[in-house]
PDB file of N, CA and C in Angstrom:
ATOM      1  N   MET A   1     -11.446 -19.152  -9.289  1.00  0.00           N
ATOM      2  CA  MET A   1     -10.851 -18.884  -8.019  1.00  0.00           C
ATOM      3  C   MET A   1      -9.778 -17.794  -8.272  1.00  0.00           C
ATOM      4  N   SER A   2      -9.099 -17.932  -9.449  1.00  0.00           N
ATOM      5  CA  SER A   2      -8.026 -16.830  -9.620  1.00  0.00           C
ATOM      6  C   SER A   2      -8.626 -15.369  -9.769  1.00  0.00           C
ATOM      7  N   LYS A   3      -9.956 -15.227 -10.366  1.00  0.00           N
ATOM      8  CA  LYS A   3     -10.435 -14.006 -10.579  1.00  0.00           C
ATOM      9  C   LYS A   3     -10.565 -13.416  -9.170  1.00  0.00           C
ATOM     10  N   LYS A   4     -11.074 -14.141  -8.122  1.00  0.00           N
ATOM     11  CA  LYS A   4     -11.232 -13.612  -6.858  1.00  0.00           C
ATOM     12  C   LYS A   4      -9.979 -13.099  -6.245  1.00  0.00           C
ATOM     13  N   LYS A   5      -8.972 -13.917  -6.428  1.00  0.00           N
ATOM     14  CA  LYS A   5      -7.608 -13.546  -5.858  1.00  0.00           C
ATOM     15  C   LYS A   5      -7.115 -12.237  -6.501  1.00  0.00           C
ATOM     16  N   LYS A   6      -7.366 -12.198  -7.762  1.00  0.00           N
ATOM     17  CA  LYS A   6      -6.806 -10.826  -8.675  1.00  0.00           C
ATOM     18  C   LYS A   6      -7.613  -9.710  -8.140  1.00  0.00           C
ATOM     19  N   ALA A   7      -8.869  -9.783  -7.837  1.00  0.00           N
ATOM     20  CA  ALA A   7      -9.765  -8.696  -7.375  1.00  0.00           C
ATOM     21  C   ALA A   7      -9.339  -8.324  -5.901  1.00  0.00           C
ATOM     22  N   ASP A   8      -9.029  -9.374  -5.111  1.00  0.00           N
ATOM     23  CA  ASP A   8      -8.601  -9.001  -3.894  1.00  0.00           C
ATOM     24  C   ASP A   8      -7.112  -8.437  -3.827  1.00  0.00           C
ATOM     25  N   SER A   9      -6.305  -8.704  -4.621  1.00  0.00           N
ATOM     26  CA  SER A   9      -4.901  -8.116  -4.657  1.00  0.00           C
ATOM     27  C   SER A   9      -4.997  -6.651  -5.190  1.00  0.00           C
ATOM     28  N   SER A  10      -5.881  -6.386  -6.327  1.00  0.00           N
ATOM     29  CA  SER A  10      -6.008  -5.048  -6.695  1.00  0.00           C
ATOM     30  C   SER A  10      -6.647  -4.103  -5.702  1.00  0.00           C
ATOM     31  N   GLY A  11      -7.564  -4.698  -5.030  1.00  0.00           N
ATOM     32  CA  GLY A  11      -8.242  -3.901  -3.881  1.00  0.00           C
ATOM     33  C   GLY A  11      -7.124  -3.624  -2.742  1.00  0.00           C
ATOM     34  N   THR A  12      -6.341  -4.603  -2.495  1.00  0.00           N
ATOM     35  CA  THR A  12      -5.301  -4.379  -1.446  1.00  0.00           C
ATOM     36  C   THR A  12      -4.223  -3.116  -1.956  1.00  0.00           C
ATOM     37  N   TYR A  13      -3.911  -3.301  -3.245  1.00  0.00           N
ATOM     38  CA  TYR A  13      -2.997  -2.216  -3.647  1.00  0.00           C
ATOM     39  C   TYR A  13      -3.617  -0.811  -3.759  1.00  0.00           C
ATOM     40  N   ALA A  14      -4.927  -0.837  -4.131  1.00  0.00           N
ATOM     41  CA  ALA A  14      -5.710   0.354  -4.075  1.00  0.00           C
ATOM     42  C   ALA A  14      -5.661   1.059  -2.665  1.00  0.00           C
ATOM     43  N   LEU A  15      -5.974   0.296  -1.862  1.00  0.00           N
ATOM     44  CA  LEU A  15      -6.020   0.812  -0.344  1.00  0.00           C
ATOM     45  C   LEU A  15      -4.758   1.205   0.120  1.00  0.00           C
ATOM     46  N   CYS A  16      -3.729   0.445   0.039  1.00  0.00           N
ATOM     47  CA  CYS A  16      -2.586   0.907   0.435  1.00  0.00           C
ATOM     48  C   CYS A  16      -1.976   2.110  -0.188  1.00  0.00           C
ATOM     49  N   ILE A  17      -2.037   2.231  -1.610  1.00  0.00           N
ATOM     50  CA  ILE A  17      -1.670   3.402  -2.377  1.00  0.00           C
ATOM     51  C   ILE A  17      -2.454   4.654  -1.673  1.00  0.00           C
ATOM     52  N   THR A  18      -3.675   4.602  -1.765  1.00  0.00           N
ATOM     53  CA  THR A  18      -4.561   5.576  -1.362  1.00  0.00           C
ATOM     54  C   THR A  18      -4.178   6.060   0.019  1.00  0.00           C
ATOM     55  N   THR A  19      -3.874   5.147   1.102  1.00  0.00           N
ATOM     56  CA  THR A  19      -3.487   5.488   2.304  1.00  0.00           C
ATOM     57  C   THR A  19      -2.193   6.223   2.412  1.00  0.00           C
ATOM     58  N   GLY A  20      -1.157   5.608   1.601  1.00  0.00           N
ATOM     59  CA  GLY A  20       0.018   6.322   1.405  1.00  0.00           C
ATOM     60  C   GLY A  20       0.017   7.842   0.878  1.00  0.00           C
ATOM     61  N   LEU A  21      -1.005   7.948   0.018  1.00  0.00           N
ATOM     62  CA  LEU A  21      -1.126   9.328  -0.690  1.00  0.00           C
ATOM     63  C   LEU A  21      -1.718  10.302   0.444  1.00  0.00           C
ATOM     64  N   ILE A  22      -2.768   9.764   1.217  1.00  0.00           N
ATOM     65  CA  ILE A  22      -3.368  10.605   2.287  1.00  0.00           C
ATOM     66  C   ILE A  22      -2.309  10.924   3.417  1.00  0.00           C
ATOM     67  N   PHE A  23      -1.411   9.876   3.735  1.00  0.00           N
ATOM     68  CA  PHE A  23      -0.376  10.275   4.741  1.00  0.00           C
ATOM     69  C   PHE A  23       0.650  11.127   4.129  1.00  0.00           C
ATOM     70  N   GLY A  24       1.060  11.076   3.011  1.00  0.00           N
ATOM     71  CA  GLY A  24       1.824  11.909   2.249  1.00  0.00           C
ATOM     72  C   GLY A  24       1.443  13.508   2.127  1.00  0.00           C
ATOM     73  N   ILE A  25       0.152  13.684   1.867  1.00  0.00           N
ATOM     74  CA  ILE A  25      -0.470  14.832   1.768  1.00  0.00           C
ATOM     75  C   ILE A  25      -0.742  15.510   3.080  1.00  0.00           C
ATOM     76  N   GLY A  26      -0.916  14.730   4.025  1.00  0.00           N
ATOM     77  CA  GLY A  26      -1.042  15.166   5.511  1.00  0.00           C
ATOM     78  C   GLY A  26       0.333  15.508   6.014  1.00  0.00           C
ATOM     79  N   LEU A  27       1.342  15.010   5.737  1.00  0.00           N
ATOM     80  CA  LEU A  27       2.626  15.136   6.492  1.00  0.00           C
ATOM     81  C   LEU A  27       3.375  16.213   5.557  1.00  0.00           C
ATOM     82  N   GLY A  28       2.912  16.468   4.330  1.00  0.00           N
ATOM     83  CA  GLY A  28       3.756  17.397   3.525  1.00  0.00           C
ATOM     84  C   GLY A  28       3.783  18.872   4.088  1.00  0.00           C
ATOM     85  N   PRO A  29       2.603  19.516   4.365  1.00  0.00           N
ATOM     86  CA  PRO A  29       2.804  20.768   4.922  1.00  0.00           C
ATOM     87  C   PRO A  29       3.652  20.905   6.225  1.00  0.00           C
ATOM     88  N   VAL A  30       3.520  19.765   7.024  1.00  0.00           N
ATOM     89  CA  VAL A  30       4.278  19.733   8.170  1.00  0.00           C
ATOM     90  C   VAL A  30       5.802  19.712   8.000  1.00  0.00           C
ATOM     91  N   LEU A  31       6.226  18.830   7.000  1.00  0.00           N
ATOM     92  CA  LEU A  31       7.642  18.654   6.830  1.00  0.00           C
ATOM     93  C   LEU A  31       8.210  19.489   5.595  1.00  0.00           C
ATOM     94  N   GLY A  32       7.238  20.170   4.886  1.00  0.00           N
ATOM     95  CA  GLY A  32       7.818  21.276   3.976  1.00  0.00           C
ATOM     96  C   GLY A  32       7.630  21.186   2.495  1.00  0.00           C
ATOM     97  N   SER A  33       7.174  19.915   2.108  1.00  0.00           N
ATOM     98  CA  SER A  33       7.012  19.649   0.664  1.00  0.00           C
ATOM     99  C   SER A  33       6.041  18.749   0.312  1.00  0.00           C
ATOM    100  N   VAL A  34       4.764  19.284  -0.135  1.00  0.00           N
ATOM    101  CA  VAL A  34       3.624  18.275  -0.309  1.00  0.00           C
ATOM    102  C   VAL A  34       3.975  17.355  -1.570  1.00  0.00           C
ATOM    103  N   PRO A  35       4.428  17.875  -2.544  1.00  0.00           N
ATOM    104  CA  PRO A  35       4.655  16.840  -3.762  1.00  0.00           C
ATOM    105  C   PRO A  35       5.621  15.735  -3.498  1.00  0.00           C
ATOM    106  N   ILE A  36       6.618  16.014  -2.796  1.00  0.00           N
ATOM    107  CA  ILE A  36       7.633  15.016  -2.488  1.00  0.00           C
ATOM    108  C   ILE A  36       7.241  14.059  -1.516  1.00  0.00           C
ATOM    109  N   PHE A  37       6.459  14.386  -0.558  1.00  0.00           N
ATOM    110  CA  PHE A  37       5.944  13.522   0.579  1.00  0.00           C
ATOM    111  C   PHE A  37       4.784  12.722   0.003  1.00  0.00           C
ATOM    112  N   ALA A  38       3.916  13.354  -0.876  1.00  0.00           N
ATOM    113  CA  ALA A  38       2.892  12.578  -1.599  1.00  0.00           C
ATOM    114  C   ALA A  38       3.410  11.511  -2.450  1.00  0.00           C
ATOM    115  N   THR A  39       4.427  11.790  -3.166  1.00  0.00           N
ATOM    116  CA  THR A  39       5.116  10.670  -3.950  1.00  0.00           C
ATOM    117  C   THR A  39       5.714   9.689  -3.157  1.00  0.00           C
ATOM    118  N   VAL A  40       6.290  10.117  -2.117  1.00  0.00           N
ATOM    119  CA  VAL A  40       6.965   9.112  -1.282  1.00  0.00           C
ATOM    120  C   VAL A  40       5.942   8.158  -0.591  1.00  0.00           C
ATOM    121  N   GLY A  41       4.775   8.777  -0.277  1.00  0.00           N
ATOM    122  CA  GLY A  41       3.620   8.066   0.287  1.00  0.00           C
ATOM    123  C   GLY A  41       3.031   6.941  -0.643  1.00  0.00           C
ATOM    124  N   ILE A  42       3.000   7.534  -1.989  1.00  0.00           N
ATOM    125  CA  ILE A  42       2.458   6.662  -2.997  1.00  0.00           C
ATOM    126  C   ILE A  42       3.415   5.441  -3.303  1.00  0.00           C
ATOM    127  N   ILE A  43       4.566   5.655  -3.252  1.00  0.00           N
ATOM    128  CA  ILE A  43       5.701   4.624  -3.465  1.00  0.00           C
ATOM    129  C   ILE A  43       5.627   3.671  -2.288  1.00  0.00           C
ATOM    130  N   GLY A  44       5.477   4.239  -1.016  1.00  0.00           N
ATOM    131  CA  GLY A  44       5.498   3.346   0.194  1.00  0.00           C
ATOM    132  C   GLY A  44       4.197   2.513   0.308  1.00  0.00           C
ATOM    133  N   GLY A  45       3.189   3.146  -0.222  1.00  0.00           N
ATOM    134  CA  GLY A  45       1.893   2.429  -0.307  1.00  0.00           C
ATOM    135  C   GLY A  45       1.921   1.131  -1.291  1.00  0.00           C
ATOM    136  N   ALA A  46       2.587   1.559  -2.395  1.00  0.00           N
ATOM    137  CA  ALA A  46       2.701   0.451  -3.381  1.00  0.00           C
ATOM    138  C   ALA A  46       3.533  -0.628  -2.745  1.00  0.00           C
ATOM    139  N   ALA A  47       4.700  -0.311  -2.141  1.00  0.00           N
ATOM    140  CA  ALA A  47       5.543  -1.319  -1.568  1.00  0.00           C
ATOM    141  C   ALA A  47       4.813  -1.938  -0.530  1.00  0.00           C
ATOM    142  N   ALA A  48       3.905  -1.472   0.360  1.00  0.00           N
ATOM    143  CA  ALA A  48       3.245  -2.268   1.252  1.00  0.00           C
ATOM    144  C   ALA A  48       2.147  -3.005   0.610  1.00  0.00           C
ATOM    145  N   GLY A  49       1.515  -2.701  -0.406  1.00  0.00           N
ATOM    146  CA  GLY A  49       0.528  -3.459  -1.085  1.00  0.00           C
ATOM    147  C   GLY A  49       1.283  -4.598  -1.741  1.00  0.00           C
ATOM    148  N   TYR A  50       2.415  -4.491  -2.312  1.00  0.00           N
ATOM    149  CA  TYR A  50       3.132  -5.804  -2.807  1.00  0.00           C
ATOM    150  C   TYR A  50       3.480  -6.732  -1.659  1.00  0.00           C
ATOM    151  N   TYR A  51       3.996  -6.115  -0.597  1.00  0.00           N
ATOM    152  CA  TYR A  51       4.384  -6.993   0.619  1.00  0.00           C
ATOM    153  C   TYR A  51       3.082  -7.763   0.972  1.00  0.00           C
ATOM    154  N   PHE A  52       1.906  -7.128   1.157  1.00  0.00           N
ATOM    155  CA  PHE A  52       0.777  -7.860   1.694  1.00  0.00           C
ATOM    156  C   PHE A  52       0.134  -8.802   0.579  1.00  0.00           C
ATOM    157  N   THR A  53       0.238  -8.599  -0.462  1.00  0.00           N
ATOM    158  CA  THR A  53      -0.336  -9.491  -1.607  1.00  0.00           C
ATOM    159  C   THR A  53       0.619 -10.693  -1.896  1.00  0.00           C
ATOM    160  N   HIS A  54       1.847 -10.529  -1.539  1.00  0.00           N
ATOM    161  CA  HIS A  54       2.794 -11.552  -1.853  1.00  0.00           C
ATOM    162  C   HIS A  54       3.434 -12.324  -0.694  1.00  0.00           C
ATOM    163  N   GLN A  55       2.705 -12.271   0.427  1.00  0.00           N
ATOM    164  CA  GLN A  55       3.068 -12.952   1.626  1.00  0.00           C
ATOM    165  C   GLN A  55       2.837 -14.572   1.435  1.00  0.00           C
ATOM    166  N   LYS A  56       3.656 -15.373   1.962  1.00  0.00           N
ATOM    167  CA  LYS A  56       3.366 -16.758   1.785  1.00  0.00           C
ATOM    168  C   LYS A  56       2.593 -17.174   2.966  1.00  0.00           C
ATOM    169  N   LYS A  57       1.763 -18.137   2.592  1.00  0.00           N
ATOM    170  CA  LYS A  57       0.829 -18.687   3.687  1.00  0.00           C
ATOM    171  C   LYS A  57       1.687 -19.662   4.639  1.00  0.00           C
ATOM    172  N   ARG A  58       1.443 -19.366   5.901  1.00  0.00           N
ATOM    173  CA  ARG A  58       2.215 -20.252   6.813  1.00  0.00           C
ATOM    174  C   ARG A  58       1.354 -21.423   7.219  1.00  0.00           C
ATOM    175  N   GLY A  59       1.721 -22.607   7.465  1.00  0.00           N
ATOM    176  CA  GLY A  59       0.981 -23.750   7.955  1.00  0.00           C
ATOM    177  C   GLY A  59       1.149 -23.765   9.470  1.00  0.00           C
ATOM    178  N   ASN A  60       0.242 -24.288  10.182  1.00  0.00           N
ATOM    179  CA  ASN A  60       0.228 -24.637  11.574  1.00  0.00           C
ATOM    180  C   ASN A  60       1.323 -25.557  12.029  1.00  0.00           C
ATOM    181  N   LYS A  61       2.148 -25.261  12.998  1.00  0.00           N
ATOM    182  CA  LYS A  61       3.178 -26.186  13.390  1.00  0.00           C
ATOM    183  C   LYS A  61       2.530 -27.315  14.345  1.00  0.00           C
ATOM    184  N   HIS A  62       1.407 -27.116  14.844  1.00  0.00           N
ATOM    185  CA  HIS A  62       0.779 -28.149  15.780  1.00  0.00           C
ATOM    186  C   HIS A  62      -0.255 -28.836  15.075  1.00  0.00           C
TER     187      HIS A  62
END
C-alpha cells in the first residue's frame, strides 16, 4: 500500500511542477522575463504539489 501512495504523490508533484512551468513560460513574455517566471512557476508548482499530497483526511461529521 505504501508503494501506491508513493507513486501517487510523485505523480502529483510532477503534474503540479509541469503545470507551473508551462504557466511560467506562458506568462514570461507577457510580463517581461521568461527565466524568472518559469522558475517562479516551478517553485509554485512544487508548493502546490506538497500541499496536495500532505492534506489531512477529513472525516464525515454526520
